[in-house]
Every structure is written in structure tokens, then in C-alpha cells.
């Protein structure tokens, strides 16, 4: 039987996969339209590189990453309050577990390309 972290991770993978797929489909649609307009592959690649961030930096992907980092942290805090002896580092949860997941879309590859983790720490030392 899966524990709370594993169930949360399953949700994360599903939601992250949807966000990445949406961004990939959007770029594929742009490529197809430009190709049908007679643009060369070099023109298409240059256009996309100039106007779009990498998928790892898209707002959708960042929102999912942040959501599940914070949910993992919340689960840790609740476990601590309830004297449950389970803890998973949010970075391990959102990044490292993906490398072990073996997913077909290589979500780990997308997340590992992030230039930084879009998580802050507030004046109380809590993630935000």
C-alpha cells in the first residue's frame, strides 16, 4: 500500500506530465503552422528560441513544481505535528524521485533543466 508521499507523488507526476505535454503541444502547433507557411526548420527554431522560454521555465510547469514542493513540505509539517515519523525533503520529492520514476516523457529531464528552483524562504524560514 502506498504511503501519503507516494500518493502525492503520483498526483505530481500526472499534473506535471499534463503541463509539459501542453507546452510541447503548443510548440508543436507553432512549428506545424510555420512549416505549412513555408518556413525553414532553421527559421522555425530561431523563432521559437527568440520568443519562448524552455519548457522548464513555463508558468504551467513552474506552478506545478511549486505546488507539489509546498504540498510535500505541508505533509512534513503535519507529520511532525501528529508525531508521525515520516519526512521527505521537498527537493528530493520534486526532483530526485522523478529520476527514479522511469516515466516515458522524461519529466526529470525537464525539471533538471530549471536554472533555479522557484521556491523562496520567508522571514520565518518557511518555504513560500
C-alpha atoms as a PDB file:
ATOM      1  CA  UNK A   1       0.000   0.000   0.000  1.00  0.00           C
ATOM      2  CA  UNK A   2       1.294   3.447  -0.896  1.00  0.00           C
ATOM      3  CA  UNK A   3       2.068   5.990   1.792  1.00  0.00           C
ATOM      4  CA  UNK A   4       0.961   9.636   1.712  1.00  0.00           C
ATOM      5  CA  UNK A   5       4.121  10.790  -0.072  1.00  0.00           C
ATOM      6  CA  UNK A   6       3.806   8.163  -2.787  1.00  0.00           C
ATOM      7  CA  UNK A   7       0.165   9.073  -3.403  1.00  0.00           C
ATOM      8  CA  UNK A   8       1.095  12.759  -3.564  1.00  0.00           C
ATOM      9  CA  UNK A   9       3.930  11.922  -5.944  1.00  0.00           C
ATOM     10  CA  UNK A  10       1.519  10.102  -8.259  1.00  0.00           C
ATOM     11  CA  UNK A  11      -0.608  13.263  -8.389  1.00  0.00           C
ATOM     12  CA  UNK A  12       2.510  15.343  -9.066  1.00  0.00           C
ATOM     13  CA  UNK A  13       3.593  13.168 -11.986  1.00  0.00           C
ATOM     14  CA  UNK A  14       0.139  13.322 -13.566  1.00  0.00           C
ATOM     15  CA  UNK A  15      -0.143  17.081 -13.200  1.00  0.00           C
ATOM     16  CA  UNK A  16       3.441  17.744 -14.298  1.00  0.00           C
ATOM     17  CA  UNK A  17       3.006  15.493 -17.319  1.00  0.00           C
ATOM     18  CA  UNK A  18      -0.106  17.449 -18.338  1.00  0.00           C
ATOM     19  CA  UNK A  19       1.731  20.772 -18.003  1.00  0.00           C
ATOM     20  CA  UNK A  20       4.750  19.575 -20.001  1.00  0.00           C
ATOM     21  CA  UNK A  21       2.549  17.967 -22.661  1.00  0.00           C
ATOM     22  CA  UNK A  22       0.522  21.165 -23.016  1.00  0.00           C
ATOM     23  CA  UNK A  23       3.701  23.191 -23.590  1.00  0.00           C
ATOM     24  CA  UNK A  24       5.120  20.632 -26.028  1.00  0.00           C
ATOM     25  CA  UNK A  25       1.838  20.551 -27.980  1.00  0.00           C
ATOM     26  CA  UNK A  26       1.744  24.334 -28.121  1.00  0.00           C
ATOM     27  CA  UNK A  27       5.242  24.493 -29.593  1.00  0.00           C
ATOM     28  CA  UNK A  28       4.479  21.633 -31.998  1.00  0.00           C
ATOM     29  CA  UNK A  29       1.423  23.534 -33.262  1.00  0.00           C
ATOM     30  CA  UNK A  30       3.532  26.626 -33.869  1.00  0.00           C
ATOM     31  CA  UNK A  31       6.136  24.549 -35.712  1.00  0.00           C
ATOM     32  CA  UNK A  32       3.470  22.918 -37.896  1.00  0.00           C
ATOM     33  CA  UNK A  33       1.855  26.259 -38.802  1.00  0.00           C
ATOM     34  CA  UNK A  34       5.191  27.808 -39.656  1.00  0.00           C
ATOM     35  CA  UNK A  35       6.224  24.764 -41.682  1.00  0.00           C
ATOM     36  CA  UNK A  36       2.965  24.912 -43.657  1.00  0.00           C
ATOM     37  CA  UNK A  37       3.679  28.623 -44.265  1.00  0.00           C
ATOM     38  CA  UNK A  38       6.923  27.600 -45.959  1.00  0.00           C
ATOM     39  CA  UNK A  39       9.365  28.498 -43.179  1.00  0.00           C
ATOM     40  CA  UNK A  40      12.589  26.534 -42.972  1.00  0.00           C
ATOM     41  CA  UNK A  41      13.483  24.462 -39.924  1.00  0.00           C
ATOM     42  CA  UNK A  42      16.200  26.986 -39.061  1.00  0.00           C
ATOM     43  CA  UNK A  43      13.694  29.872 -39.216  1.00  0.00           C
ATOM     44  CA  UNK A  44      11.264  27.946 -37.047  1.00  0.00           C
ATOM     45  CA  UNK A  45      13.919  27.046 -34.473  1.00  0.00           C
ATOM     46  CA  UNK A  46      15.198  30.626 -34.367  1.00  0.00           C
ATOM     47  CA  UNK A  47      11.647  31.963 -33.920  1.00  0.00           C
ATOM     48  CA  UNK A  48      10.922  29.605 -31.039  1.00  0.00           C
ATOM     49  CA  UNK A  49      14.270  30.229 -29.341  1.00  0.00           C
ATOM     50  CA  UNK A  50      13.755  34.002 -29.542  1.00  0.00           C
ATOM     51  CA  UNK A  51      10.178  34.099 -28.324  1.00  0.00           C
ATOM     52  CA  UNK A  52       9.696  31.200 -25.922  1.00  0.00           C
ATOM     53  CA  UNK A  53      11.398  30.111 -22.737  1.00  0.00           C
ATOM     54  CA  UNK A  54      12.392  26.476 -22.340  1.00  0.00           C
ATOM     55  CA  UNK A  55       9.546  24.265 -21.173  1.00  0.00           C
ATOM     56  CA  UNK A  56      11.114  24.011 -17.713  1.00  0.00           C
ATOM     57  CA  UNK A  57      10.597  27.766 -17.316  1.00  0.00           C
ATOM     58  CA  UNK A  58       6.978  27.897 -18.470  1.00  0.00           C
ATOM     59  CA  UNK A  59       4.468  29.231 -15.997  1.00  0.00           C
ATOM     60  CA  UNK A  60       2.482  25.990 -16.041  1.00  0.00           C
ATOM     61  CA  UNK A  61       5.468  23.814 -15.195  1.00  0.00           C
ATOM     62  CA  UNK A  62       6.709  26.195 -12.513  1.00  0.00           C
ATOM     63  CA  UNK A  63       3.233  26.338 -10.937  1.00  0.00           C
ATOM     64  CA  UNK A  64       3.039  22.533 -10.704  1.00  0.00           C
ATOM     65  CA  UNK A  65       6.584  22.277  -9.333  1.00  0.00           C
ATOM     66  CA  UNK A  66       5.902  24.902  -6.647  1.00  0.00           C
ATOM     67  CA  UNK A  67       2.519  23.412  -5.758  1.00  0.00           C
ATOM     68  CA  UNK A  68       3.962  19.982  -5.037  1.00  0.00           C
ATOM     69  CA  UNK A  69       7.117  21.244  -3.327  1.00  0.00           C
ATOM     70  CA  UNK A  70       4.849  23.132  -0.917  1.00  0.00           C
ATOM     71  CA  UNK A  71       2.432  20.180  -0.565  1.00  0.00           C
ATOM     72  CA  UNK A  72       5.337  17.898   0.337  1.00  0.00           C
ATOM     73  CA  UNK A  73       6.517  20.427   2.888  1.00  0.00           C
ATOM     74  CA  UNK A  74       2.979  20.715   4.292  1.00  0.00           C
ATOM     75  CA  UNK A  75       2.813  16.940   4.638  1.00  0.00           C
ATOM     76  CA  UNK A  76       6.133  17.029   6.507  1.00  0.00           C
ATOM     77  CA  UNK A  77       4.820  19.711   8.863  1.00  0.00           C
ATOM     78  CA  UNK A  78       1.582  17.832   9.504  1.00  0.00           C
ATOM     79  CA  UNK A  79       3.506  14.637  10.173  1.00  0.00           C
ATOM     80  CA  UNK A  80       5.655  16.498  12.679  1.00  0.00           C
ATOM     81  CA  UNK A  81       2.622  17.930  14.457  1.00  0.00           C
ATOM     82  CA  UNK A  82       0.996  14.493  14.589  1.00  0.00           C
ATOM     83  CA  UNK A  83       4.175  12.751  15.795  1.00  0.00           C
ATOM     84  CA  UNK A  84       4.405  10.741  12.570  1.00  0.00           C
ATOM     85  CA  UNK A  85       7.977   9.787  11.887  1.00  0.00           C
ATOM     86  CA  UNK A  86       7.906  10.337   8.104  1.00  0.00           C
ATOM     87  CA  UNK A  87       9.781  13.104   6.311  1.00  0.00           C
ATOM     88  CA  UNK A  88      10.740  13.621   2.661  1.00  0.00           C
ATOM     89  CA  UNK A  89      12.917  16.527   1.575  1.00  0.00           C
ATOM     90  CA  UNK A  90      10.808  18.593  -0.894  1.00  0.00           C
ATOM     91  CA  UNK A  91      13.742  18.850  -3.319  1.00  0.00           C
ATOM     92  CA  UNK A  92      14.130  15.080  -3.339  1.00  0.00           C
ATOM     93  CA  UNK A  93      10.371  14.695  -3.778  1.00  0.00           C
ATOM     94  CA  UNK A  94      10.005  17.134  -6.702  1.00  0.00           C
ATOM     95  CA  UNK A  95      13.294  16.396  -8.481  1.00  0.00           C
ATOM     96  CA  UNK A  96      15.098  13.254  -7.396  1.00  0.00           C
ATOM     97  CA  UNK A  97      12.058  10.986  -7.249  1.00  0.00           C
ATOM     98  CA  UNK A  98      11.397  11.803 -10.905  1.00  0.00           C
ATOM     99  CA  UNK A  99      14.774  10.335 -11.853  1.00  0.00           C
ATOM    100  CA  UNK A 100      13.736   7.035 -10.281  1.00  0.00           C
ATOM    101  CA  UNK A 101      10.250   7.086 -11.779  1.00  0.00           C
ATOM    102  CA  UNK A 102      11.231   5.965 -15.289  1.00  0.00           C
ATOM    103  CA  UNK A 103       8.444   7.989 -16.862  1.00  0.00           C
ATOM    104  CA  UNK A 104       8.175   7.905 -20.668  1.00  0.00           C
ATOM    105  CA  UNK A 105       8.201  11.696 -21.037  1.00  0.00           C
ATOM    106  CA  UNK A 106      11.392  12.171 -19.063  1.00  0.00           C
ATOM    107  CA  UNK A 107       9.919  14.692 -16.676  1.00  0.00           C
ATOM    108  CA  UNK A 108      13.149  14.544 -14.712  1.00  0.00           C
ATOM    109  CA  UNK A 109      14.943  15.936 -17.763  1.00  0.00           C
ATOM    110  CA  UNK A 110      12.570  18.899 -17.904  1.00  0.00           C
ATOM    111  CA  UNK A 111      12.824  19.672 -14.196  1.00  0.00           C
ATOM    112  CA  UNK A 112      16.588  19.192 -14.066  1.00  0.00           C
ATOM    113  CA  UNK A 113      16.928  21.923 -16.713  1.00  0.00           C
ATOM    114  CA  UNK A 114      15.464  24.540 -14.373  1.00  0.00           C
ATOM    115  CA  UNK A 115      18.084  27.254 -13.842  1.00  0.00           C
ATOM    116  CA  UNK A 116      16.971  27.504 -10.191  1.00  0.00           C
ATOM    117  CA  UNK A 117      14.198  26.120  -8.010  1.00  0.00           C
ATOM    118  CA  UNK A 118      11.336  28.635  -7.930  1.00  0.00           C
ATOM    119  CA  UNK A 119      10.900  28.426  -4.167  1.00  0.00           C
ATOM    120  CA  UNK A 120      11.664  31.087  -1.619  1.00  0.00           C
ATOM    121  CA  UNK A 121      12.043  31.206   2.125  1.00  0.00           C
ATOM    122  CA  UNK A 122      10.139  33.814   4.100  1.00  0.00           C
ATOM    123  CA  UNK A 123      11.240  35.780   7.176  1.00  0.00           C
ATOM    124  CA  UNK A 124      10.249  32.842   9.395  1.00  0.00           C
ATOM    125  CA  UNK A 125      12.363  30.360   7.474  1.00  0.00           C
ATOM    126  CA  UNK A 126       9.349  28.721   5.853  1.00  0.00           C
ATOM    127  CA  UNK A 127       9.100  27.832   2.172  1.00  0.00           C
ATOM    128  CA  UNK A 128       6.968  30.187   0.137  1.00  0.00           C
END
